[in-house]
Amino acid sequence: MLVDDQVTFTPPSIANDFRDNFVESKTSRNLSHDSEPPKLRSVNDRQKSDMHTRHFASTCSFLLSRGIIHFNQQLKIN
């Protein structure tokens, strides 16, 4: 992750999540039988979103603990 004291962090992209979910739901609508009911699918989408949030939080925590980023009034990346 560290290369010459530089860190590149790419948070999960909302646009990519939307595209993946759109393609997934469009595909499942074309199937003759749905593998999971719509209510269950929305729960799974929520769980995926929670997972991304936890991943982002743990990554920020790691970077803060190593002194790689600092939170003042603005985000500064060393």
N, C-alpha and C. Protein backbone atom coordinates (compact mmCIF):
# COMPACT_ATOMS: atom_id res chain seq x y z
N MET A 1 0.83 -1.20 0.00
CA MET A 1 0.00 0.00 0.00
C MET A 1 0.87 1.26 0.00
N LEU A 2 1.99 1.22 0.71
CA LEU A 2 2.87 2.38 0.76
C LEU A 2 3.92 2.27 -0.33
N VAL A 3 4.04 3.31 -1.13
CA VAL A 3 5.06 3.36 -2.16
C VAL A 3 5.71 4.73 -2.08
N ASP A 4 6.98 4.76 -1.70
CA ASP A 4 7.70 6.03 -1.54
C ASP A 4 6.93 7.02 -0.67
N ASP A 5 6.41 6.53 0.46
CA ASP A 5 5.65 7.35 1.40
C ASP A 5 4.43 8.02 0.78
N GLN A 6 3.97 7.52 -0.33
CA GLN A 6 2.75 8.05 -0.96
C GLN A 6 1.65 7.02 -0.81
N VAL A 7 0.46 7.50 -0.53
CA VAL A 7 -0.68 6.59 -0.37
C VAL A 7 -1.76 6.97 -1.37
N THR A 8 -2.23 6.00 -2.09
CA THR A 8 -3.36 6.22 -2.98
C THR A 8 -4.54 5.46 -2.43
N PHE A 9 -5.58 6.18 -2.07
CA PHE A 9 -6.78 5.55 -1.53
C PHE A 9 -7.95 5.90 -2.42
N THR A 10 -8.61 4.88 -2.92
CA THR A 10 -9.79 5.10 -3.75
C THR A 10 -11.01 4.56 -3.01
N PRO A 11 -11.88 5.46 -2.52
CA PRO A 11 -13.07 4.98 -1.82
C PRO A 11 -14.03 4.30 -2.80
N PRO A 12 -14.90 3.44 -2.28
CA PRO A 12 -15.89 2.82 -3.17
C PRO A 12 -16.69 3.88 -3.91
N SER A 13 -16.85 3.68 -5.19
CA SER A 13 -17.53 4.68 -6.01
C SER A 13 -19.04 4.45 -6.02
N ILE A 14 -19.77 5.51 -5.73
CA ILE A 14 -21.23 5.42 -5.74
C ILE A 14 -21.72 5.12 -7.15
N ALA A 15 -21.08 5.73 -8.14
CA ALA A 15 -21.50 5.52 -9.53
C ALA A 15 -21.33 4.06 -9.92
N ASN A 16 -20.21 3.44 -9.53
CA ASN A 16 -19.99 2.03 -9.85
C ASN A 16 -21.00 1.15 -9.16
N ASP A 17 -21.30 1.45 -7.88
CA ASP A 17 -22.30 0.67 -7.16
C ASP A 17 -23.65 0.76 -7.86
N PHE A 18 -24.01 1.96 -8.28
CA PHE A 18 -25.30 2.15 -8.95
C PHE A 18 -25.34 1.34 -10.24
N ARG A 19 -24.25 1.41 -11.02
CA ARG A 19 -24.20 0.69 -12.29
C ARG A 19 -24.31 -0.82 -12.05
N ASP A 20 -23.55 -1.35 -11.08
CA ASP A 20 -23.59 -2.78 -10.78
C ASP A 20 -24.98 -3.21 -10.35
N ASN A 21 -25.61 -2.44 -9.46
CA ASN A 21 -26.95 -2.79 -8.98
C ASN A 21 -27.97 -2.70 -10.11
N PHE A 22 -27.82 -1.71 -10.99
CA PHE A 22 -28.75 -1.56 -12.10
C PHE A 22 -28.65 -2.76 -13.03
N VAL A 23 -27.42 -3.14 -13.38
CA VAL A 23 -27.22 -4.28 -14.27
C VAL A 23 -27.75 -5.55 -13.62
N GLU A 24 -27.48 -5.71 -12.32
CA GLU A 24 -27.93 -6.91 -11.61
C GLU A 24 -29.45 -6.99 -11.58
N SER A 25 -30.12 -5.89 -11.26
CA SER A 25 -31.57 -5.93 -11.17
C SER A 25 -32.20 -6.08 -12.56
N LYS A 26 -31.59 -5.47 -13.58
CA LYS A 26 -32.10 -5.60 -14.94
C LYS A 26 -31.98 -7.05 -15.40
N THR A 27 -30.86 -7.68 -15.08
CA THR A 27 -30.65 -9.08 -15.46
C THR A 27 -31.64 -9.99 -14.76
N SER A 28 -31.83 -9.77 -13.46
CA SER A 28 -32.73 -10.66 -12.71
C SER A 28 -34.18 -10.49 -13.16
N ARG A 29 -34.54 -9.30 -13.66
CA ARG A 29 -35.90 -9.10 -14.17
C ARG A 29 -36.12 -9.90 -15.45
N ASN A 30 -35.03 -10.12 -16.22
CA ASN A 30 -35.16 -10.86 -17.47
C ASN A 30 -35.24 -12.37 -17.26
N LEU A 31 -34.92 -12.84 -16.06
CA LEU A 31 -35.01 -14.27 -15.79
C LEU A 31 -36.47 -14.67 -15.62
N SER A 32 -36.77 -15.91 -15.98
CA SER A 32 -38.16 -16.37 -15.84
C SER A 32 -38.53 -16.54 -14.37
N HIS A 33 -37.57 -16.85 -13.51
CA HIS A 33 -37.84 -16.93 -12.07
C HIS A 33 -36.75 -16.13 -11.35
N ASP A 34 -37.18 -15.35 -10.40
CA ASP A 34 -36.25 -14.51 -9.65
C ASP A 34 -35.56 -15.36 -8.58
N SER A 35 -34.25 -15.22 -8.48
CA SER A 35 -33.51 -16.01 -7.49
C SER A 35 -33.74 -15.50 -6.07
N GLU A 36 -34.04 -14.22 -5.92
CA GLU A 36 -34.34 -13.69 -4.59
C GLU A 36 -35.45 -12.65 -4.70
N PRO A 37 -36.34 -12.62 -3.72
CA PRO A 37 -37.44 -11.64 -3.76
C PRO A 37 -36.91 -10.21 -3.64
N PRO A 38 -37.66 -9.22 -4.16
CA PRO A 38 -37.20 -7.83 -4.14
C PRO A 38 -36.86 -7.33 -2.74
N LYS A 39 -37.64 -7.72 -1.73
CA LYS A 39 -37.36 -7.25 -0.37
C LYS A 39 -36.00 -7.74 0.10
N LEU A 40 -35.70 -9.01 -0.16
CA LEU A 40 -34.41 -9.58 0.23
C LEU A 40 -33.27 -8.89 -0.52
N ARG A 41 -33.49 -8.57 -1.80
CA ARG A 41 -32.47 -7.89 -2.60
C ARG A 41 -32.14 -6.53 -1.99
N SER A 42 -33.15 -5.79 -1.52
CA SER A 42 -32.89 -4.47 -0.94
C SER A 42 -32.12 -4.61 0.38
N VAL A 43 -32.37 -5.69 1.13
CA VAL A 43 -31.60 -5.94 2.36
C VAL A 43 -30.15 -6.22 1.99
N ASN A 44 -29.92 -7.02 0.95
CA ASN A 44 -28.55 -7.31 0.51
C ASN A 44 -27.84 -6.05 0.04
N ASP A 45 -28.54 -5.17 -0.68
CA ASP A 45 -27.95 -3.91 -1.12
C ASP A 45 -27.56 -3.05 0.08
N ARG A 46 -28.42 -3.04 1.10
CA ARG A 46 -28.13 -2.27 2.32
C ARG A 46 -26.90 -2.85 3.02
N GLN A 47 -26.81 -4.17 3.07
CA GLN A 47 -25.65 -4.82 3.71
C GLN A 47 -24.37 -4.49 2.94
N LYS A 48 -24.45 -4.45 1.60
CA LYS A 48 -23.28 -4.11 0.79
C LYS A 48 -22.86 -2.67 1.08
N SER A 49 -23.82 -1.77 1.19
CA SER A 49 -23.53 -0.37 1.50
C SER A 49 -22.89 -0.25 2.88
N ASP A 50 -23.43 -0.99 3.86
CA ASP A 50 -22.85 -0.99 5.21
C ASP A 50 -21.41 -1.50 5.19
N MET A 51 -21.17 -2.52 4.38
CA MET A 51 -19.82 -3.08 4.27
C MET A 51 -18.85 -2.03 3.72
N HIS A 52 -19.28 -1.29 2.69
CA HIS A 52 -18.43 -0.23 2.13
C HIS A 52 -18.16 0.85 3.17
N THR A 53 -19.20 1.21 3.94
CA THR A 53 -19.04 2.24 4.98
C THR A 53 -18.03 1.78 6.03
N ARG A 54 -18.16 0.52 6.46
CA ARG A 54 -17.22 0.00 7.47
C ARG A 54 -15.80 -0.06 6.90
N HIS A 55 -15.66 -0.46 5.64
CA HIS A 55 -14.33 -0.54 5.01
C HIS A 55 -13.71 0.85 4.94
N PHE A 56 -14.49 1.85 4.54
CA PHE A 56 -14.00 3.23 4.46
C PHE A 56 -13.56 3.71 5.85
N ALA A 57 -14.39 3.44 6.87
CA ALA A 57 -14.08 3.88 8.23
C ALA A 57 -12.80 3.20 8.74
N SER A 58 -12.65 1.91 8.49
CA SER A 58 -11.46 1.21 8.98
C SER A 58 -10.21 1.67 8.23
N THR A 59 -10.36 1.99 6.94
CA THR A 59 -9.22 2.50 6.18
C THR A 59 -8.80 3.86 6.71
N CYS A 60 -9.77 4.74 6.97
CA CYS A 60 -9.45 6.06 7.54
C CYS A 60 -8.78 5.91 8.89
N SER A 61 -9.28 5.01 9.70
CA SER A 61 -8.71 4.77 11.03
C SER A 61 -7.26 4.31 10.91
N PHE A 62 -6.99 3.39 9.98
CA PHE A 62 -5.63 2.90 9.75
C PHE A 62 -4.71 4.04 9.32
N LEU A 63 -5.17 4.85 8.35
CA LEU A 63 -4.34 5.95 7.84
C LEU A 63 -4.08 6.99 8.93
N LEU A 64 -5.10 7.27 9.75
CA LEU A 64 -4.93 8.21 10.86
C LEU A 64 -3.93 7.68 11.88
N SER A 65 -4.03 6.40 12.21
CA SER A 65 -3.16 5.82 13.23
C SER A 65 -1.70 5.80 12.78
N ARG A 66 -1.46 5.74 11.49
CA ARG A 66 -0.09 5.74 10.96
C ARG A 66 0.42 7.16 10.71
N GLY A 67 -0.43 8.16 10.93
CA GLY A 67 -0.02 9.54 10.70
C GLY A 67 0.07 9.90 9.22
N ILE A 68 -0.57 9.10 8.38
CA ILE A 68 -0.51 9.34 6.94
C ILE A 68 -1.48 10.45 6.55
N ILE A 69 -2.62 10.50 7.21
CA ILE A 69 -3.55 11.60 7.00
C ILE A 69 -3.86 12.25 8.33
N HIS A 70 -4.23 13.51 8.30
CA HIS A 70 -4.57 14.27 9.50
C HIS A 70 -5.87 15.00 9.25
N PHE A 71 -6.76 14.98 10.23
CA PHE A 71 -8.00 15.73 10.11
C PHE A 71 -7.88 17.00 10.93
N ASN A 72 -7.87 18.13 10.26
CA ASN A 72 -7.97 19.42 10.93
C ASN A 72 -9.29 20.00 10.44
N GLN A 73 -9.25 21.19 9.87
CA GLN A 73 -10.45 21.72 9.24
C GLN A 73 -10.60 21.15 7.83
N GLN A 74 -9.49 20.71 7.27
CA GLN A 74 -9.51 20.11 5.95
C GLN A 74 -8.75 18.79 6.03
N LEU A 75 -8.99 17.93 5.07
CA LEU A 75 -8.24 16.68 5.00
C LEU A 75 -6.89 16.97 4.36
N LYS A 76 -5.83 16.61 5.05
CA LYS A 76 -4.49 16.79 4.50
C LYS A 76 -3.87 15.41 4.30
N ILE A 77 -3.27 15.20 3.17
CA ILE A 77 -2.60 13.93 2.88
C ILE A 77 -1.11 14.22 2.74
N ASN A 78 -0.31 13.56 3.57
CA ASN A 78 1.16 13.76 3.51
C ASN A 78 1.73 13.05 2.31
